[in-house]
Amino acid sequence: DPKVSELEFRIDNVTKYKVGESVESPSKMIELFNYRLKVYPVGKVDNRFAVYLQRVPMNGIDPRGVYENVGYDISLVNHWEPSEPLTKRRYCESFRNLQAHGWDKFLDEELRPKSVPSTSRLK
């Protein structure tokens, strides 16, 4: 049976961020896989919402270890219209220490309201 974990991460006042500025969620662990979300609310290199699942190192765990078959969903929720979250799914055959997987352009600029708080949720 696959293991399931959920991390909810709210980002208030996304308009205070500039392109290239990121914010990280608290880390969470499922079995020995410690992870967090790294979010660029107004984009990493351009004006597009970017989000990554990042493996976080842990004391006592060999950093050279590779986690295999990691699948994840990330949902972006507009709290002004919570009935319409945008969810994307990804599967990684291998996940190395400090490696991040995700989307440079999770949300197209023209779809992103300028002042709406958002939540990234990992399922």
N, C-alpha and C. Protein backbone atom coordinates (compact mmCIF):
# COMPACT_ATOMS: atom_id res chain seq x y z
N ASP A 1 0.83 -1.19 0.00
CA ASP A 1 0.00 0.00 0.00
C ASP A 1 0.87 1.25 0.00
N PRO A 2 0.54 2.22 -0.86
CA PRO A 2 1.30 3.47 -0.84
C PRO A 2 1.01 4.26 0.44
N LYS A 3 2.02 4.95 0.92
CA LYS A 3 1.86 5.81 2.09
C LYS A 3 1.39 7.18 1.62
N VAL A 4 0.54 7.81 2.42
CA VAL A 4 -0.04 9.10 2.04
C VAL A 4 0.23 10.11 3.15
N SER A 5 0.59 11.31 2.75
CA SER A 5 0.83 12.40 3.69
C SER A 5 0.25 13.66 3.07
N GLU A 6 -0.21 14.57 3.90
CA GLU A 6 -0.73 15.83 3.39
C GLU A 6 -0.10 16.99 4.14
N LEU A 7 0.28 18.01 3.39
CA LEU A 7 0.88 19.22 3.95
C LEU A 7 0.11 20.40 3.41
N GLU A 8 -0.48 21.18 4.29
CA GLU A 8 -1.18 22.39 3.86
C GLU A 8 -0.32 23.58 4.23
N PHE A 9 -0.14 24.48 3.26
CA PHE A 9 0.77 25.61 3.42
C PHE A 9 0.11 26.84 2.84
N ARG A 10 -0.20 27.79 3.68
CA ARG A 10 -0.88 29.02 3.25
C ARG A 10 0.13 30.14 3.08
N ILE A 11 -0.01 30.86 1.99
CA ILE A 11 0.84 32.02 1.72
C ILE A 11 -0.06 33.24 1.67
N ASP A 12 0.08 34.09 2.65
CA ASP A 12 -0.71 35.32 2.68
C ASP A 12 0.04 36.44 1.97
N ASN A 13 -0.71 37.37 1.42
CA ASN A 13 -0.14 38.57 0.80
C ASN A 13 0.92 38.22 -0.24
N VAL A 14 0.54 37.44 -1.24
CA VAL A 14 1.50 37.02 -2.26
C VAL A 14 2.09 38.19 -3.04
N THR A 15 1.42 39.33 -3.03
CA THR A 15 1.91 40.47 -3.79
C THR A 15 3.15 41.11 -3.17
N LYS A 16 3.50 40.74 -1.93
CA LYS A 16 4.70 41.31 -1.31
C LYS A 16 5.97 40.68 -1.86
N TYR A 17 5.86 39.56 -2.56
CA TYR A 17 7.03 38.86 -3.10
C TYR A 17 7.42 39.41 -4.46
N LYS A 18 8.69 39.29 -4.77
CA LYS A 18 9.22 39.67 -6.07
C LYS A 18 9.62 38.41 -6.82
N VAL A 19 9.77 38.52 -8.12
CA VAL A 19 10.25 37.39 -8.92
C VAL A 19 11.59 36.93 -8.35
N GLY A 20 11.73 35.64 -8.15
CA GLY A 20 12.96 35.07 -7.60
C GLY A 20 12.95 34.88 -6.10
N GLU A 21 11.98 35.46 -5.40
CA GLU A 21 11.88 35.29 -3.94
C GLU A 21 11.01 34.07 -3.63
N SER A 22 11.51 33.25 -2.72
CA SER A 22 10.78 32.03 -2.38
C SER A 22 10.41 32.00 -0.91
N VAL A 23 9.50 31.11 -0.60
CA VAL A 23 9.10 30.83 0.77
C VAL A 23 8.99 29.31 0.88
N GLU A 24 9.40 28.78 2.04
CA GLU A 24 9.37 27.33 2.24
C GLU A 24 8.37 26.98 3.32
N SER A 25 7.71 25.87 3.12
CA SER A 25 6.79 25.36 4.13
C SER A 25 7.58 24.72 5.26
N PRO A 26 6.95 24.48 6.39
CA PRO A 26 7.60 23.63 7.39
C PRO A 26 7.81 22.25 6.77
N SER A 27 8.79 21.52 7.26
CA SER A 27 9.01 20.18 6.72
C SER A 27 8.05 19.19 7.37
N LYS A 28 7.83 18.11 6.66
CA LYS A 28 6.96 17.04 7.15
C LYS A 28 7.58 15.72 6.75
N MET A 29 7.33 14.68 7.54
CA MET A 29 7.95 13.40 7.27
C MET A 29 6.89 12.33 7.06
N ILE A 30 7.15 11.48 6.07
CA ILE A 30 6.36 10.28 5.86
C ILE A 30 7.36 9.13 5.79
N GLU A 31 7.26 8.21 6.73
CA GLU A 31 8.28 7.20 6.95
C GLU A 31 9.61 7.92 7.13
N LEU A 32 10.62 7.66 6.30
CA LEU A 32 11.91 8.35 6.43
C LEU A 32 12.11 9.40 5.34
N PHE A 33 11.05 9.74 4.65
CA PHE A 33 11.12 10.76 3.60
C PHE A 33 10.68 12.09 4.20
N ASN A 34 11.63 13.01 4.39
CA ASN A 34 11.36 14.33 4.96
C ASN A 34 11.27 15.32 3.80
N TYR A 35 10.19 16.07 3.72
CA TYR A 35 9.97 16.94 2.58
C TYR A 35 9.38 18.28 3.00
N ARG A 36 9.41 19.21 2.06
CA ARG A 36 8.75 20.51 2.24
C ARG A 36 8.41 21.04 0.85
N LEU A 37 7.61 22.07 0.83
CA LEU A 37 7.31 22.78 -0.41
C LEU A 37 8.16 24.03 -0.48
N LYS A 38 8.70 24.29 -1.64
CA LYS A 38 9.40 25.55 -1.90
C LYS A 38 8.59 26.26 -2.98
N VAL A 39 8.12 27.45 -2.63
CA VAL A 39 7.18 28.17 -3.49
C VAL A 39 7.76 29.53 -3.87
N TYR A 40 7.64 29.85 -5.14
CA TYR A 40 7.96 31.18 -5.66
C TYR A 40 6.62 31.81 -6.04
N PRO A 41 6.00 32.57 -5.13
CA PRO A 41 4.64 33.07 -5.37
C PRO A 41 4.47 33.87 -6.65
N VAL A 42 5.48 34.63 -7.05
CA VAL A 42 5.39 35.37 -8.32
C VAL A 42 6.44 34.91 -9.31
N GLY A 43 6.92 33.69 -9.14
CA GLY A 43 7.80 33.08 -10.12
C GLY A 43 9.26 33.05 -9.73
N LYS A 44 9.93 32.05 -10.28
CA LYS A 44 11.36 31.88 -10.03
C LYS A 44 12.18 32.78 -10.95
N VAL A 45 11.83 32.80 -12.24
CA VAL A 45 12.56 33.63 -13.20
C VAL A 45 11.64 34.53 -14.01
N ASP A 46 10.35 34.27 -13.96
CA ASP A 46 9.40 35.15 -14.64
C ASP A 46 8.15 35.25 -13.77
N ASN A 47 7.16 35.90 -14.24
CA ASN A 47 5.98 36.19 -13.43
C ASN A 47 4.97 35.04 -13.46
N ARG A 48 5.42 33.84 -13.10
CA ARG A 48 4.57 32.65 -13.08
C ARG A 48 4.75 31.92 -11.76
N PHE A 49 3.67 31.57 -11.10
CA PHE A 49 3.70 30.82 -9.84
C PHE A 49 4.48 29.53 -10.04
N ALA A 50 5.51 29.31 -9.21
CA ALA A 50 6.33 28.10 -9.31
C ALA A 50 6.32 27.39 -7.96
N VAL A 51 6.28 26.06 -7.99
CA VAL A 51 6.24 25.28 -6.75
C VAL A 51 7.01 23.98 -6.94
N TYR A 52 7.73 23.59 -5.87
CA TYR A 52 8.57 22.39 -5.92
C TYR A 52 8.42 21.60 -4.63
N LEU A 53 8.43 20.29 -4.76
CA LEU A 53 8.54 19.39 -3.62
C LEU A 53 10.03 19.14 -3.42
N GLN A 54 10.53 19.42 -2.24
CA GLN A 54 11.96 19.35 -1.97
C GLN A 54 12.22 18.35 -0.85
N ARG A 55 13.18 17.46 -1.08
CA ARG A 55 13.59 16.52 -0.04
C ARG A 55 14.50 17.26 0.93
N VAL A 56 14.26 17.06 2.22
CA VAL A 56 15.01 17.74 3.27
C VAL A 56 15.91 16.72 3.97
N PRO A 57 17.21 17.03 4.14
CA PRO A 57 18.11 16.08 4.81
C PRO A 57 17.74 15.91 6.28
N MET A 58 18.06 14.72 6.80
CA MET A 58 17.78 14.42 8.21
C MET A 58 19.02 13.83 8.86
N ASN A 59 19.25 14.19 10.12
CA ASN A 59 20.35 13.60 10.88
C ASN A 59 20.14 12.10 11.00
N GLY A 60 21.21 11.34 10.83
CA GLY A 60 21.14 9.90 10.97
C GLY A 60 20.69 9.16 9.73
N ILE A 61 20.31 9.88 8.69
CA ILE A 61 19.90 9.26 7.43
C ILE A 61 20.96 9.56 6.39
N ASP A 62 21.45 8.52 5.74
CA ASP A 62 22.50 8.67 4.73
C ASP A 62 22.02 9.61 3.62
N PRO A 63 22.69 10.75 3.43
CA PRO A 63 22.24 11.72 2.41
C PRO A 63 22.38 11.20 0.99
N ARG A 64 23.13 10.12 0.82
CA ARG A 64 23.28 9.55 -0.53
C ARG A 64 22.11 8.64 -0.89
N GLY A 65 21.27 8.36 0.08
CA GLY A 65 20.13 7.48 -0.17
C GLY A 65 19.17 8.07 -1.19
N VAL A 66 18.55 7.20 -1.94
CA VAL A 66 17.60 7.61 -2.97
C VAL A 66 16.24 7.00 -2.64
N TYR A 67 15.22 7.83 -2.63
CA TYR A 67 13.86 7.32 -2.46
C TYR A 67 13.30 7.06 -3.84
N GLU A 68 12.67 5.91 -4.00
CA GLU A 68 12.16 5.52 -5.30
C GLU A 68 10.64 5.60 -5.33
N ASN A 69 10.13 5.83 -6.53
CA ASN A 69 8.69 5.79 -6.79
C ASN A 69 7.91 6.75 -5.90
N VAL A 70 8.25 8.02 -5.98
CA VAL A 70 7.57 9.06 -5.21
C VAL A 70 6.55 9.74 -6.13
N GLY A 71 5.30 9.62 -5.77
CA GLY A 71 4.24 10.28 -6.50
C GLY A 71 3.63 11.37 -5.63
N TYR A 72 3.24 12.48 -6.23
CA TYR A 72 2.65 13.55 -5.43
C TYR A 72 1.71 14.41 -6.27
N ASP A 73 0.76 15.00 -5.57
CA ASP A 73 -0.16 15.99 -6.13
C ASP A 73 0.09 17.29 -5.41
N ILE A 74 0.03 18.38 -6.14
CA ILE A 74 0.05 19.70 -5.52
C ILE A 74 -1.18 20.45 -6.01
N SER A 75 -1.93 20.99 -5.05
CA SER A 75 -3.14 21.74 -5.37
C SER A 75 -2.97 23.19 -4.93
N LEU A 76 -3.37 24.09 -5.79
CA LEU A 76 -3.37 25.51 -5.48
C LEU A 76 -4.83 25.91 -5.27
N VAL A 77 -5.12 26.45 -4.10
CA VAL A 77 -6.50 26.81 -3.76
C VAL A 77 -6.61 28.32 -3.67
N ASN A 78 -7.53 28.88 -4.42
CA ASN A 78 -7.88 30.29 -4.32
C ASN A 78 -8.96 30.37 -3.24
N HIS A 79 -8.66 30.98 -2.11
CA HIS A 79 -9.61 30.99 -1.01
C HIS A 79 -10.83 31.87 -1.26
N TRP A 80 -10.82 32.61 -2.34
CA TRP A 80 -12.02 33.35 -2.72
C TRP A 80 -12.93 32.48 -3.58
N GLU A 81 -12.38 31.42 -4.18
CA GLU A 81 -13.14 30.45 -4.97
C GLU A 81 -12.62 29.05 -4.66
N PRO A 82 -12.80 28.57 -3.42
CA PRO A 82 -12.19 27.31 -3.01
C PRO A 82 -12.73 26.08 -3.73
N SER A 83 -13.85 26.20 -4.43
CA SER A 83 -14.42 25.04 -5.11
C SER A 83 -13.67 24.70 -6.39
N GLU A 84 -12.73 25.53 -6.81
CA GLU A 84 -12.01 25.31 -8.06
C GLU A 84 -10.50 25.27 -7.86
N PRO A 85 -9.98 24.30 -7.09
CA PRO A 85 -8.51 24.21 -6.95
C PRO A 85 -7.87 23.72 -8.24
N LEU A 86 -6.65 24.13 -8.46
CA LEU A 86 -5.87 23.65 -9.59
C LEU A 86 -4.91 22.60 -9.05
N THR A 87 -5.01 21.37 -9.54
CA THR A 87 -4.18 20.27 -9.06
C THR A 87 -3.35 19.72 -10.20
N LYS A 88 -2.08 19.50 -9.91
CA LYS A 88 -1.18 18.84 -10.86
C LYS A 88 -0.53 17.66 -10.16
N ARG A 89 -0.23 16.64 -10.94
CA ARG A 89 0.31 15.39 -10.40
C ARG A 89 1.64 15.09 -11.09
N ARG A 90 2.56 14.53 -10.29
CA ARG A 90 3.86 14.15 -10.84
C ARG A 90 4.33 12.87 -10.16
N TYR A 91 5.12 12.11 -10.88
CA TYR A 91 5.69 10.86 -10.38
C TYR A 91 7.19 10.89 -10.64
N CYS A 92 7.98 10.57 -9.64
CA CYS A 92 9.44 10.54 -9.77
C CYS A 92 9.93 9.13 -9.48
N GLU A 93 10.70 8.59 -10.39
CA GLU A 93 11.26 7.26 -10.17
C GLU A 93 12.31 7.28 -9.07
N SER A 94 13.05 8.39 -8.96
CA SER A 94 14.05 8.50 -7.89
C SER A 94 14.09 9.93 -7.37
N PHE A 95 14.32 10.05 -6.07
CA PHE A 95 14.35 11.35 -5.41
C PHE A 95 15.58 11.39 -4.52
N ARG A 96 16.55 12.21 -4.87
CA ARG A 96 17.81 12.29 -4.14
C ARG A 96 17.76 13.41 -3.09
N ASN A 97 18.74 13.41 -2.18
CA ASN A 97 18.82 14.40 -1.11
C ASN A 97 18.93 15.82 -1.69
N LEU A 98 18.20 16.74 -1.13
CA LEU A 98 18.14 18.15 -1.53
C LEU A 98 17.63 18.35 -2.95
N GLN A 99 17.17 17.30 -3.57
CA GLN A 99 16.62 17.43 -4.91
C GLN A 99 15.20 17.96 -4.82
N ALA A 100 14.79 18.71 -5.82
CA ALA A 100 13.43 19.25 -5.86
C ALA A 100 12.80 18.90 -7.20
N HIS A 101 11.54 18.57 -7.16
CA HIS A 101 10.76 18.30 -8.36
C HIS A 101 9.53 19.17 -8.32
N GLY A 102 9.13 19.69 -9.45
CA GLY A 102 7.93 20.52 -9.45
C GLY A 102 7.74 21.22 -10.77
N TRP A 103 7.17 22.42 -10.68
CA TRP A 103 6.77 23.17 -11.86
C TRP A 103 7.31 24.60 -11.82
N ASP A 104 7.99 25.00 -12.89
CA ASP A 104 8.43 26.39 -13.03
C ASP A 104 7.23 27.30 -13.34
N LYS A 105 6.24 26.74 -14.02
CA LYS A 105 5.05 27.50 -14.42
C LYS A 105 3.81 26.72 -14.02
N PHE A 106 3.61 26.59 -12.72
CA PHE A 106 2.45 25.85 -12.22
C PHE A 106 1.15 26.52 -12.64
N LEU A 107 1.17 27.82 -12.63
CA LEU A 107 -0.02 28.61 -12.94
C LEU A 107 0.36 29.69 -13.94
N ASP A 108 -0.37 29.75 -15.04
CA ASP A 108 -0.10 30.79 -16.02
C ASP A 108 -0.41 32.16 -15.45
N GLU A 109 0.40 33.13 -15.80
CA GLU A 109 0.27 34.49 -15.26
C GLU A 109 -1.14 35.05 -15.43
N GLU A 110 -1.72 34.87 -16.59
CA GLU A 110 -3.03 35.47 -16.83
C GLU A 110 -4.14 34.84 -16.01
N LEU A 111 -3.88 33.66 -15.43
CA LEU A 111 -4.88 33.01 -14.59
C LEU A 111 -4.73 33.37 -13.13
N ARG A 112 -3.61 33.95 -12.74
CA ARG A 112 -3.32 34.21 -11.33
C ARG A 112 -3.82 35.58 -10.92
N PRO A 113 -4.83 35.65 -10.06
CA PRO A 113 -5.26 36.95 -9.55
C PRO A 113 -4.11 37.62 -8.80
N LYS A 114 -4.06 38.93 -8.83
CA LYS A 114 -2.93 39.67 -8.26
C LYS A 114 -2.90 39.69 -6.74
N SER A 115 -4.04 39.59 -6.06
CA SER A 115 -4.02 39.78 -4.61
C SER A 115 -4.78 38.69 -3.85
N VAL A 116 -4.83 37.49 -4.39
CA VAL A 116 -5.58 36.43 -3.74
C VAL A 116 -4.63 35.56 -2.93
N PRO A 117 -4.92 35.35 -1.63
CA PRO A 117 -4.09 34.43 -0.85
C PRO A 117 -4.23 33.03 -1.42
N SER A 118 -3.17 32.24 -1.33
CA SER A 118 -3.23 30.90 -1.88
C SER A 118 -2.68 29.90 -0.88
N THR A 119 -3.07 28.66 -1.07
CA THR A 119 -2.57 27.57 -0.25
C THR A 119 -2.04 26.50 -1.18
N SER A 120 -0.87 25.99 -0.91
CA SER A 120 -0.37 24.84 -1.64
C SER A 120 -0.58 23.63 -0.76
N ARG A 121 -1.10 22.59 -1.32
CA ARG A 121 -1.40 21.40 -0.54
C ARG A 121 -0.80 20.19 -1.23
N LEU A 122 -0.08 19.40 -0.49
CA LEU A 122 0.51 18.17 -1.00
C LEU A 122 -0.35 17.02 -0.55
N LYS A 123 -0.72 16.16 -1.47
CA LYS A 123 -1.51 14.98 -1.11
C LYS A 123 -0.78 13.74 -1.53
